[in-house]
Amino acid sequence: MKKFNLLIIGSGYYTIGDKKNFGCILSSTIQWLKNNNINHNNFKLSFLIKDKKNILYKKTLIKKHLLFFKKKINYDFITIGKIKYDYDASIIATPEK
């Protein structure tokens, strides 16, 4: 099976949420993976961020999603200078704070 690469532009509240709430973009993406029985080895999620500030906090919020949905996902954070153009789809969820 072909690997599916998804780029999410932005990693703010609507995407990954905060300490109290889940972000709707990441939650919907994980639910879509579960509903379609997509193997995490065939899926790569990249978050395009403006800088690497607060990266540990963002990883904590993503882990909260993954634990809740009991799903494993390959993901990374990239900045504009590191973007590749081999994505199958993208979601624009900006602006961040």
PDB file of N, CA and C in Angstrom:
ATOM      1  N   MET A   1       0.838  -1.182   0.000  1.00  0.00           N
ATOM      2  CA  MET A   1       0.000   0.000   0.000  1.00  0.00           C
ATOM      3  C   MET A   1       0.885   1.249   0.000  1.00  0.00           C
ATOM      4  N   LYS A   2       0.487   2.236  -0.771  1.00  0.00           N
ATOM      5  CA  LYS A   2       1.212   3.505  -0.839  1.00  0.00           C
ATOM      6  C   LYS A   2       1.129   4.230   0.499  1.00  0.00           C
ATOM      7  N   LYS A   3       2.212   4.873   0.854  1.00  0.00           N
ATOM      8  CA  LYS A   3       2.242   5.681   2.061  1.00  0.00           C
ATOM      9  C   LYS A   3       1.472   6.981   1.811  1.00  0.00           C
ATOM     10  N   PHE A   4       0.646   7.383   2.767  1.00  0.00           N
ATOM     11  CA  PHE A   4      -0.149   8.602   2.660  1.00  0.00           C
ATOM     12  C   PHE A   4       0.472   9.664   3.546  1.00  0.00           C
ATOM     13  N   ASN A   5       0.819  10.808   2.964  1.00  0.00           N
ATOM     14  CA  ASN A   5       1.438  11.908   3.693  1.00  0.00           C
ATOM     15  C   ASN A   5       0.461  13.074   3.796  1.00  0.00           C
ATOM     16  N   LEU A   6       0.179  13.489   5.031  1.00  0.00           N
ATOM     17  CA  LEU A   6      -0.725  14.602   5.283  1.00  0.00           C
ATOM     18  C   LEU A   6       0.045  15.739   5.941  1.00  0.00           C
ATOM     19  N   LEU A   7      -0.132  16.938   5.427  1.00  0.00           N
ATOM     20  CA  LEU A   7       0.490  18.133   5.988  1.00  0.00           C
ATOM     21  C   LEU A   7      -0.600  18.971   6.640  1.00  0.00           C
ATOM     22  N   ILE A   8      -0.406  19.301   7.922  1.00  0.00           N
ATOM     23  CA  ILE A   8      -1.305  20.224   8.608  1.00  0.00           C
ATOM     24  C   ILE A   8      -0.532  21.514   8.841  1.00  0.00           C
ATOM     25  N   ILE A   9      -1.053  22.584   8.271  1.00  0.00           N
ATOM     26  CA  ILE A   9      -0.404  23.882   8.408  1.00  0.00           C
ATOM     27  C   ILE A   9      -1.000  24.554   9.642  1.00  0.00           C
ATOM     28  N   GLY A  10      -0.186  24.629  10.694  1.00  0.00           N
ATOM     29  CA  GLY A  10      -0.629  25.195  11.957  1.00  0.00           C
ATOM     30  C   GLY A  10      -0.770  24.125  13.026  1.00  0.00           C
ATOM     31  N   SER A  11      -0.421  24.482  14.243  1.00  0.00           N
ATOM     32  CA  SER A  11      -0.530  23.530  15.354  1.00  0.00           C
ATOM     33  C   SER A  11      -1.075  24.234  16.591  1.00  0.00           C
ATOM     34  N   GLY A  12      -2.067  25.075  16.359  1.00  0.00           N
ATOM     35  CA  GLY A  12      -2.665  25.833  17.448  1.00  0.00           C
ATOM     36  C   GLY A  12      -3.866  25.127  18.062  1.00  0.00           C
ATOM     37  N   TYR A  13      -4.720  25.916  18.673  1.00  0.00           N
ATOM     38  CA  TYR A  13      -5.853  25.397  19.439  1.00  0.00           C
ATOM     39  C   TYR A  13      -6.784  24.516  18.602  1.00  0.00           C
ATOM     40  N   TYR A  14      -7.164  24.941  17.410  1.00  0.00           N
ATOM     41  CA  TYR A  14      -8.093  24.146  16.602  1.00  0.00           C
ATOM     42  C   TYR A  14      -7.468  22.843  16.119  1.00  0.00           C
ATOM     43  N   THR A  15      -6.177  22.819  16.015  1.00  0.00           N
ATOM     44  CA  THR A  15      -5.502  21.602  15.555  1.00  0.00           C
ATOM     45  C   THR A  15      -5.252  20.626  16.691  1.00  0.00           C
ATOM     46  N   ILE A  16      -4.533  21.053  17.745  1.00  0.00           N
ATOM     47  CA  ILE A  16      -4.161  20.111  18.804  1.00  0.00           C
ATOM     48  C   ILE A  16      -4.766  20.431  20.164  1.00  0.00           C
ATOM     49  N   GLY A  17      -5.477  21.533  20.296  1.00  0.00           N
ATOM     50  CA  GLY A  17      -6.158  21.839  21.544  1.00  0.00           C
ATOM     51  C   GLY A  17      -5.270  22.453  22.597  1.00  0.00           C
ATOM     52  N   ASP A  18      -5.658  22.234  23.852  1.00  0.00           N
ATOM     53  CA  ASP A  18      -4.894  22.734  24.991  1.00  0.00           C
ATOM     54  C   ASP A  18      -4.961  21.692  26.100  1.00  0.00           C
ATOM     55  N   LYS A  19      -4.587  22.064  27.313  1.00  0.00           N
ATOM     56  CA  LYS A  19      -4.556  21.098  28.420  1.00  0.00           C
ATOM     57  C   LYS A  19      -5.930  20.516  28.735  1.00  0.00           C
ATOM     58  N   LYS A  20      -6.998  21.279  28.474  1.00  0.00           N
ATOM     59  CA  LYS A  20      -8.349  20.833  28.824  1.00  0.00           C
ATOM     60  C   LYS A  20      -9.131  20.241  27.654  1.00  0.00           C
ATOM     61  N   ASN A  21      -8.857  20.682  26.434  1.00  0.00           N
ATOM     62  CA  ASN A  21      -9.674  20.310  25.282  1.00  0.00           C
ATOM     63  C   ASN A  21      -8.845  19.721  24.149  1.00  0.00           C
ATOM     64  N   PHE A  22      -9.451  18.790  23.428  1.00  0.00           N
ATOM     65  CA  PHE A  22      -8.838  18.238  22.235  1.00  0.00           C
ATOM     66  C   PHE A  22      -9.021  19.209  21.076  1.00  0.00           C
ATOM     67  N   GLY A  23      -8.061  19.217  20.172  1.00  0.00           N
ATOM     68  CA  GLY A  23      -8.205  19.994  18.948  1.00  0.00           C
ATOM     69  C   GLY A  23      -9.020  19.201  17.943  1.00  0.00           C
ATOM     70  N   CYS A  24      -9.897  19.860  17.224  1.00  0.00           N
ATOM     71  CA  CYS A  24     -10.797  19.135  16.326  1.00  0.00           C
ATOM     72  C   CYS A  24     -10.085  18.606  15.077  1.00  0.00           C
ATOM     73  N   ILE A  25      -9.057  19.272  14.598  1.00  0.00           N
ATOM     74  CA  ILE A  25      -8.373  18.803  13.384  1.00  0.00           C
ATOM     75  C   ILE A  25      -7.654  17.482  13.638  1.00  0.00           C
ATOM     76  N   LEU A  26      -6.850  17.407  14.696  1.00  0.00           N
ATOM     77  CA  LEU A  26      -6.133  16.169  14.988  1.00  0.00           C
ATOM     78  C   LEU A  26      -7.096  15.058  15.397  1.00  0.00           C
ATOM     79  N   SER A  27      -8.097  15.380  16.197  1.00  0.00           N
ATOM     80  CA  SER A  27      -9.083  14.365  16.604  1.00  0.00           C
ATOM     81  C   SER A  27      -9.797  13.775  15.395  1.00  0.00           C
ATOM     82  N   SER A  28     -10.201  14.624  14.472  1.00  0.00           N
ATOM     83  CA  SER A  28     -10.892  14.152  13.267  1.00  0.00           C
ATOM     84  C   SER A  28      -9.975  13.296  12.402  1.00  0.00           C
ATOM     85  N   THR A  29      -8.716  13.687  12.309  1.00  0.00           N
ATOM     86  CA  THR A  29      -7.754  12.914  11.518  1.00  0.00           C
ATOM     87  C   THR A  29      -7.551  11.524  12.114  1.00  0.00           C
ATOM     88  N   ILE A  30      -7.386  11.460  13.415  1.00  0.00           N
ATOM     89  CA  ILE A  30      -7.194  10.162  14.078  1.00  0.00           C
ATOM     90  C   ILE A  30      -8.432   9.302  13.930  1.00  0.00           C
ATOM     91  N   GLN A  31      -9.613   9.897  14.098  1.00  0.00           N
ATOM     92  CA  GLN A  31     -10.851   9.134  13.943  1.00  0.00           C
ATOM     93  C   GLN A  31     -11.003   8.606  12.526  1.00  0.00           C
ATOM     94  N   TRP A  32     -10.611   9.402  11.535  1.00  0.00           N
ATOM     95  CA  TRP A  32     -10.651   8.967  10.135  1.00  0.00           C
ATOM     96  C   TRP A  32      -9.735   7.756   9.926  1.00  0.00           C
ATOM     97  N   LEU A  33      -8.537   7.803  10.519  1.00  0.00           N
ATOM     98  CA  LEU A  33      -7.608   6.669  10.418  1.00  0.00           C
ATOM     99  C   LEU A  33      -8.217   5.414  11.028  1.00  0.00           C
ATOM    100  N   LYS A  34      -8.827   5.558  12.201  1.00  0.00           N
ATOM    101  CA  LYS A  34      -9.441   4.406  12.875  1.00  0.00           C
ATOM    102  C   LYS A  34     -10.609   3.851  12.067  1.00  0.00           C
ATOM    103  N   ASN A  35     -11.486   4.717  11.586  1.00  0.00           N
ATOM    104  CA  ASN A  35     -12.670   4.274  10.845  1.00  0.00           C
ATOM    105  C   ASN A  35     -12.307   3.541   9.564  1.00  0.00           C
ATOM    106  N   ASN A  36     -11.201   3.934   8.956  1.00  0.00           N
ATOM    107  CA  ASN A  36     -10.788   3.328   7.690  1.00  0.00           C
ATOM    108  C   ASN A  36      -9.713   2.261   7.864  1.00  0.00           C
ATOM    109  N   ASN A  37      -9.427   1.909   9.111  1.00  0.00           N
ATOM    110  CA  ASN A  37      -8.422   0.881   9.422  1.00  0.00           C
ATOM    111  C   ASN A  37      -7.109   1.117   8.686  1.00  0.00           C
ATOM    112  N   ILE A  38      -6.656   2.353   8.699  1.00  0.00           N
ATOM    113  CA  ILE A  38      -5.403   2.688   8.032  1.00  0.00           C
ATOM    114  C   ILE A  38      -4.248   2.396   8.983  1.00  0.00           C
ATOM    115  N   ASN A  39      -3.325   1.589   8.526  1.00  0.00           N
ATOM    116  CA  ASN A  39      -2.160   1.201   9.310  1.00  0.00           C
ATOM    117  C   ASN A  39      -1.260   2.417   9.505  1.00  0.00           C
ATOM    118  N   HIS A  40      -0.847   2.649  10.742  1.00  0.00           N
ATOM    119  CA  HIS A  40      -0.004   3.817  11.021  1.00  0.00           C
ATOM    120  C   HIS A  40       1.323   3.776  10.274  1.00  0.00           C
ATOM    121  N   ASN A  41       1.777   2.600   9.872  1.00  0.00           N
ATOM    122  CA  ASN A  41       3.031   2.506   9.109  1.00  0.00           C
ATOM    123  C   ASN A  41       2.882   3.078   7.701  1.00  0.00           C
ATOM    124  N   ASN A  42       1.638   3.184   7.224  1.00  0.00           N
ATOM    125  CA  ASN A  42       1.383   3.722   5.885  1.00  0.00           C
ATOM    126  C   ASN A  42       0.942   5.178   5.917  1.00  0.00           C
ATOM    127  N   PHE A  43       1.045   5.816   7.079  1.00  0.00           N
ATOM    128  CA  PHE A  43       0.556   7.177   7.239  1.00  0.00           C
ATOM    129  C   PHE A  43       1.607   8.041   7.920  1.00  0.00           C
ATOM    130  N   LYS A  44       1.830   9.223   7.383  1.00  0.00           N
ATOM    131  CA  LYS A  44       2.779  10.172   7.972  1.00  0.00           C
ATOM    132  C   LYS A  44       2.089  11.525   8.081  1.00  0.00           C
ATOM    133  N   LEU A  45       2.117  12.092   9.272  1.00  0.00           N
ATOM    134  CA  LEU A  45       1.503  13.379   9.542  1.00  0.00           C
ATOM    135  C   LEU A  45       2.600  14.388   9.847  1.00  0.00           C
ATOM    136  N   SER A  46       2.579  15.512   9.153  1.00  0.00           N
ATOM    137  CA  SER A  46       3.552  16.577   9.389  1.00  0.00           C
ATOM    138  C   SER A  46       2.812  17.849   9.763  1.00  0.00           C
ATOM    139  N   PHE A  47       3.302  18.503  10.801  1.00  0.00           N
ATOM    140  CA  PHE A  47       2.763  19.782  11.225  1.00  0.00           C
ATOM    141  C   PHE A  47       3.726  20.874  10.781  1.00  0.00           C
ATOM    142  N   LEU A  48       3.258  21.808   9.955  1.00  0.00           N
ATOM    143  CA  LEU A  48       4.074  22.936   9.556  1.00  0.00           C
ATOM    144  C   LEU A  48       3.916  24.016  10.619  1.00  0.00           C
ATOM    145  N   ILE A  49       5.038  24.382  11.241  1.00  0.00           N
ATOM    146  CA  ILE A  49       5.022  25.365  12.319  1.00  0.00           C
ATOM    147  C   ILE A  49       5.958  26.514  11.978  1.00  0.00           C
ATOM    148  N   LYS A  50       5.714  27.677  12.581  1.00  0.00           N
ATOM    149  CA  LYS A  50       6.548  28.834  12.256  1.00  0.00           C
ATOM    150  C   LYS A  50       7.894  28.793  12.960  1.00  0.00           C
ATOM    151  N   ASP A  51       7.960  28.184  14.137  1.00  0.00           N
ATOM    152  CA  ASP A  51       9.232  28.037  14.844  1.00  0.00           C
ATOM    153  C   ASP A  51       9.110  26.869  15.828  1.00  0.00           C
ATOM    154  N   LYS A  52      10.208  26.526  16.431  1.00  0.00           N
ATOM    155  CA  LYS A  52      10.228  25.337  17.295  1.00  0.00           C
ATOM    156  C   LYS A  52       9.940  25.646  18.759  1.00  0.00           C
ATOM    157  N   LYS A  53       9.453  26.879  19.042  1.00  0.00           N
ATOM    158  CA  LYS A  53       9.081  27.207  20.407  1.00  0.00           C
ATOM    159  C   LYS A  53       7.901  26.325  20.832  1.00  0.00           C
ATOM    160  N   ASN A  54       7.884  25.965  22.083  1.00  0.00           N
ATOM    161  CA  ASN A  54       6.781  25.194  22.675  1.00  0.00           C
ATOM    162  C   ASN A  54       6.609  23.805  22.065  1.00  0.00           C
ATOM    163  N   ILE A  55       7.645  23.263  21.443  1.00  0.00           N
ATOM    164  CA  ILE A  55       7.515  21.967  20.777  1.00  0.00           C
ATOM    165  C   ILE A  55       7.222  20.844  21.778  1.00  0.00           C
ATOM    166  N   LEU A  56       7.822  20.886  22.963  1.00  0.00           N
ATOM    167  CA  LEU A  56       7.556  19.847  23.964  1.00  0.00           C
ATOM    168  C   LEU A  56       6.108  19.900  24.429  1.00  0.00           C
ATOM    169  N   TYR A  57       5.575  21.093  24.599  1.00  0.00           N
ATOM    170  CA  TYR A  57       4.177  21.251  24.990  1.00  0.00           C
ATOM    171  C   TYR A  57       3.260  20.687  23.902  1.00  0.00           C
ATOM    172  N   LYS A  58       3.566  20.967  22.651  1.00  0.00           N
ATOM    173  CA  LYS A  58       2.755  20.473  21.541  1.00  0.00           C
ATOM    174  C   LYS A  58       2.813  18.952  21.454  1.00  0.00           C
ATOM    175  N   LYS A  59       3.983  18.374  21.696  1.00  0.00           N
ATOM    176  CA  LYS A  59       4.106  16.913  21.691  1.00  0.00           C
ATOM    177  C   LYS A  59       3.262  16.295  22.807  1.00  0.00           C
ATOM    178  N   THR A  60       3.207  16.954  23.962  1.00  0.00           N
ATOM    179  CA  THR A  60       2.387  16.476  25.075  1.00  0.00           C
ATOM    180  C   THR A  60       0.911  16.454  24.690  1.00  0.00           C
ATOM    181  N   LEU A  61       0.451  17.502  24.021  1.00  0.00           N
ATOM    182  CA  LEU A  61      -0.949  17.550  23.592  1.00  0.00           C
ATOM    183  C   LEU A  61      -1.260  16.476  22.554  1.00  0.00           C
ATOM    184  N   ILE A  62      -0.340  16.221  21.656  1.00  0.00           N
ATOM    185  CA  ILE A  62      -0.545  15.173  20.647  1.00  0.00           C
ATOM    186  C   ILE A  62      -0.594  13.807  21.318  1.00  0.00           C
ATOM    187  N   LYS A  63       0.287  13.563  22.274  1.00  0.00           N
ATOM    188  CA  LYS A  63       0.277  12.276  22.993  1.00  0.00           C
ATOM    189  C   LYS A  63      -1.042  12.060  23.714  1.00  0.00           C
ATOM    190  N   LYS A  64      -1.640  13.151  24.231  1.00  0.00           N
ATOM    191  CA  LYS A  64      -2.941  13.050  24.894  1.00  0.00           C
ATOM    192  C   LYS A  64      -3.990  12.526  23.915  1.00  0.00           C
ATOM    193  N   HIS A  65      -3.970  13.017  22.685  1.00  0.00           N
ATOM    194  CA  HIS A  65      -4.889  12.538  21.650  1.00  0.00           C
ATOM    195  C   HIS A  65      -4.656  11.050  21.373  1.00  0.00           C
ATOM    196  N   LEU A  66      -3.388  10.699  21.196  1.00  0.00           N
ATOM    197  CA  LEU A  66      -3.055   9.326  20.815  1.00  0.00           C
ATOM    198  C   LEU A  66      -3.449   8.337  21.910  1.00  0.00           C
ATOM    199  N   LEU A  67      -3.273   8.709  23.158  1.00  0.00           N
ATOM    200  CA  LEU A  67      -3.687   7.837  24.258  1.00  0.00           C
ATOM    201  C   LEU A  67      -5.203   7.690  24.303  1.00  0.00           C
ATOM    202  N   PHE A  68      -5.915   8.775  24.124  1.00  0.00           N
ATOM    203  CA  PHE A  68      -7.373   8.731  24.157  1.00  0.00           C
ATOM    204  C   PHE A  68      -7.932   7.841  23.048  1.00  0.00           C
ATOM    205  N   PHE A  69      -7.419   8.012  21.838  1.00  0.00           N
ATOM    206  CA  PHE A  69      -7.927   7.254  20.695  1.00  0.00           C
ATOM    207  C   PHE A  69      -7.267   5.880  20.559  1.00  0.00           C
ATOM    208  N   LYS A  70      -6.271   5.603  21.391  1.00  0.00           N
ATOM    209  CA  LYS A  70      -5.538   4.327  21.336  1.00  0.00           C
ATOM    210  C   LYS A  70      -5.035   4.060  19.913  1.00  0.00           C
ATOM    211  N   LYS A  71      -4.371   5.057  19.359  1.00  0.00           N
ATOM    212  CA  LYS A  71      -3.871   4.977  17.986  1.00  0.00           C
ATOM    213  C   LYS A  71      -2.437   5.474  17.949  1.00  0.00           C
ATOM    214  N   LYS A  72      -1.626   4.812  17.169  1.00  0.00           N
ATOM    215  CA  LYS A  72      -0.246   5.224  16.979  1.00  0.00           C
ATOM    216  C   LYS A  72      -0.138   5.935  15.633  1.00  0.00           C
ATOM    217  N   ILE A  73       0.605   7.037  15.616  1.00  0.00           N
ATOM    218  CA  ILE A  73       0.772   7.809  14.384  1.00  0.00           C
ATOM    219  C   ILE A  73       2.221   8.267  14.264  1.00  0.00           C
ATOM    220  N   ASN A  74       2.738   8.179  13.065  1.00  0.00           N
ATOM    221  CA  ASN A  74       4.049   8.754  12.777  1.00  0.00           C
ATOM    222  C   ASN A  74       3.832  10.226  12.461  1.00  0.00           C
ATOM    223  N   TYR A  75       4.469  11.105  13.238  1.00  0.00           N
ATOM    224  CA  TYR A  75       4.300  12.524  13.003  1.00  0.00           C
ATOM    225  C   TYR A  75       5.613  13.256  13.248  1.00  0.00           C
ATOM    226  N   ASP A  76       5.695  14.446  12.678  1.00  0.00           N
ATOM    227  CA  ASP A  76       6.839  15.304  12.926  1.00  0.00           C
ATOM    228  C   ASP A  76       6.426  16.757  12.784  1.00  0.00           C
ATOM    229  N   PHE A  77       7.312  17.644  13.197  1.00  0.00           N
ATOM    230  CA  PHE A  77       7.121  19.079  13.076  1.00  0.00           C
ATOM    231  C   PHE A  77       8.156  19.597  12.088  1.00  0.00           C
ATOM    232  N   ILE A  78       7.713  20.407  11.155  1.00  0.00           N
ATOM    233  CA  ILE A  78       8.642  20.980  10.188  1.00  0.00           C
ATOM    234  C   ILE A  78       8.433  22.497  10.123  1.00  0.00           C
ATOM    235  N   THR A  79       9.486  23.182   9.744  1.00  0.00           N
ATOM    236  CA  THR A  79       9.404  24.624   9.531  1.00  0.00           C
ATOM    237  C   THR A  79       9.414  24.888   8.024  1.00  0.00           C
ATOM    238  N   ILE A  80       9.129  26.106   7.655  1.00  0.00           N
ATOM    239  CA  ILE A  80       9.030  26.466   6.231  1.00  0.00           C
ATOM    240  C   ILE A  80      10.267  26.033   5.442  1.00  0.00           C
ATOM    241  N   GLY A  81      11.447  26.231   6.005  1.00  0.00           N
ATOM    242  CA  GLY A  81      12.676  25.895   5.306  1.00  0.00           C
ATOM    243  C   GLY A  81      12.876  24.402   5.071  1.00  0.00           C
ATOM    244  N   LYS A  82      12.158  23.564   5.812  1.00  0.00           N
ATOM    245  CA  LYS A  82      12.319  22.107   5.701  1.00  0.00           C
ATOM    246  C   LYS A  82      11.172  21.426   4.959  1.00  0.00           C
ATOM    247  N   ILE A  83      10.247  22.213   4.411  1.00  0.00           N
ATOM    248  CA  ILE A  83       9.074  21.624   3.769  1.00  0.00           C
ATOM    249  C   ILE A  83       9.474  20.867   2.503  1.00  0.00           C
ATOM    250  N   LYS A  84       8.820  19.723   2.308  1.00  0.00           N
ATOM    251  CA  LYS A  84       8.979  18.922   1.102  1.00  0.00           C
ATOM    252  C   LYS A  84       7.647  19.013   0.363  1.00  0.00           C
ATOM    253  N   TYR A  85       7.638  18.680  -0.867  1.00  0.00           N
ATOM    254  CA  TYR A  85       6.411  18.820  -1.649  1.00  0.00           C
ATOM    255  C   TYR A  85       5.866  17.463  -2.088  1.00  0.00           C
ATOM    256  N   ASP A  86       5.925  16.486  -1.202  1.00  0.00           N
ATOM    257  CA  ASP A  86       5.438  15.154  -1.541  1.00  0.00           C
ATOM    258  C   ASP A  86       4.223  14.762  -0.698  1.00  0.00           C
ATOM    259  N   TYR A  87       3.376  15.740  -0.379  1.00  0.00           N
ATOM    260  CA  TYR A  87       2.194  15.473   0.443  1.00  0.00           C
ATOM    261  C   TYR A  87       1.009  15.128  -0.444  1.00  0.00           C
ATOM    262  N   ASP A  88       0.188  14.217   0.049  1.00  0.00           N
ATOM    263  CA  ASP A  88      -1.006  13.810  -0.688  1.00  0.00           C
ATOM    264  C   ASP A  88      -2.172  14.761  -0.419  1.00  0.00           C
ATOM    265  N   ALA A  89      -2.167  15.394   0.743  1.00  0.00           N
ATOM    266  CA  ALA A  89      -3.225  16.327   1.112  1.00  0.00           C
ATOM    267  C   ALA A  89      -2.696  17.262   2.180  1.00  0.00           C
ATOM    268  N   SER A  90      -3.412  18.381   2.345  1.00  0.00           N
ATOM    269  CA  SER A  90      -3.032  19.305   3.412  1.00  0.00           C
ATOM    270  C   SER A  90      -4.294  19.922   4.014  1.00  0.00           C
ATOM    271  N   ILE A  91      -4.133  20.347   5.257  1.00  0.00           N
ATOM    272  CA  ILE A  91      -5.193  21.036   5.980  1.00  0.00           C
ATOM    273  C   ILE A  91      -4.601  22.344   6.475  1.00  0.00           C
ATOM    274  N   ILE A  92      -5.287  23.429   6.214  1.00  0.00           N
ATOM    275  CA  ILE A  92      -4.816  24.726   6.684  1.00  0.00           C
ATOM    276  C   ILE A  92      -5.627  25.096   7.927  1.00  0.00           C
ATOM    277  N   ALA A  93      -4.939  25.227   9.050  1.00  0.00           N
ATOM    278  CA  ALA A  93      -5.584  25.539  10.329  1.00  0.00           C
ATOM    279  C   ALA A  93      -4.819  26.673  10.989  1.00  0.00           C
ATOM    280  N   THR A  94      -4.944  27.854  10.437  1.00  0.00           N
ATOM    281  CA  THR A  94      -4.240  29.013  10.985  1.00  0.00           C
ATOM    282  C   THR A  94      -5.241  30.122  11.221  1.00  0.00           C
ATOM    283  N   PRO A  95      -4.967  31.117  11.955  1.00  0.00           N
ATOM    284  CA  PRO A  95      -3.665  31.424  12.520  1.00  0.00           C
ATOM    285  C   PRO A  95      -3.479  30.766  13.884  1.00  0.00           C
ATOM    286  N   GLU A  96      -2.223  30.661  14.270  1.00  0.00           N
ATOM    287  CA  GLU A  96      -1.904  30.259  15.627  1.00  0.00           C
ATOM    288  C   GLU A  96      -1.896  31.524  16.472  1.00  0.00           C
ATOM    289  N   LYS A  97      -1.714  31.372  17.768  1.00  0.00           N
ATOM    290  CA  LYS A  97      -1.648  32.548  18.644  1.00  0.00           C
ATOM    291  C   LYS A  97      -0.542  33.475  18.192  1.00  0.00           C
TER     292      LYS A  97
END
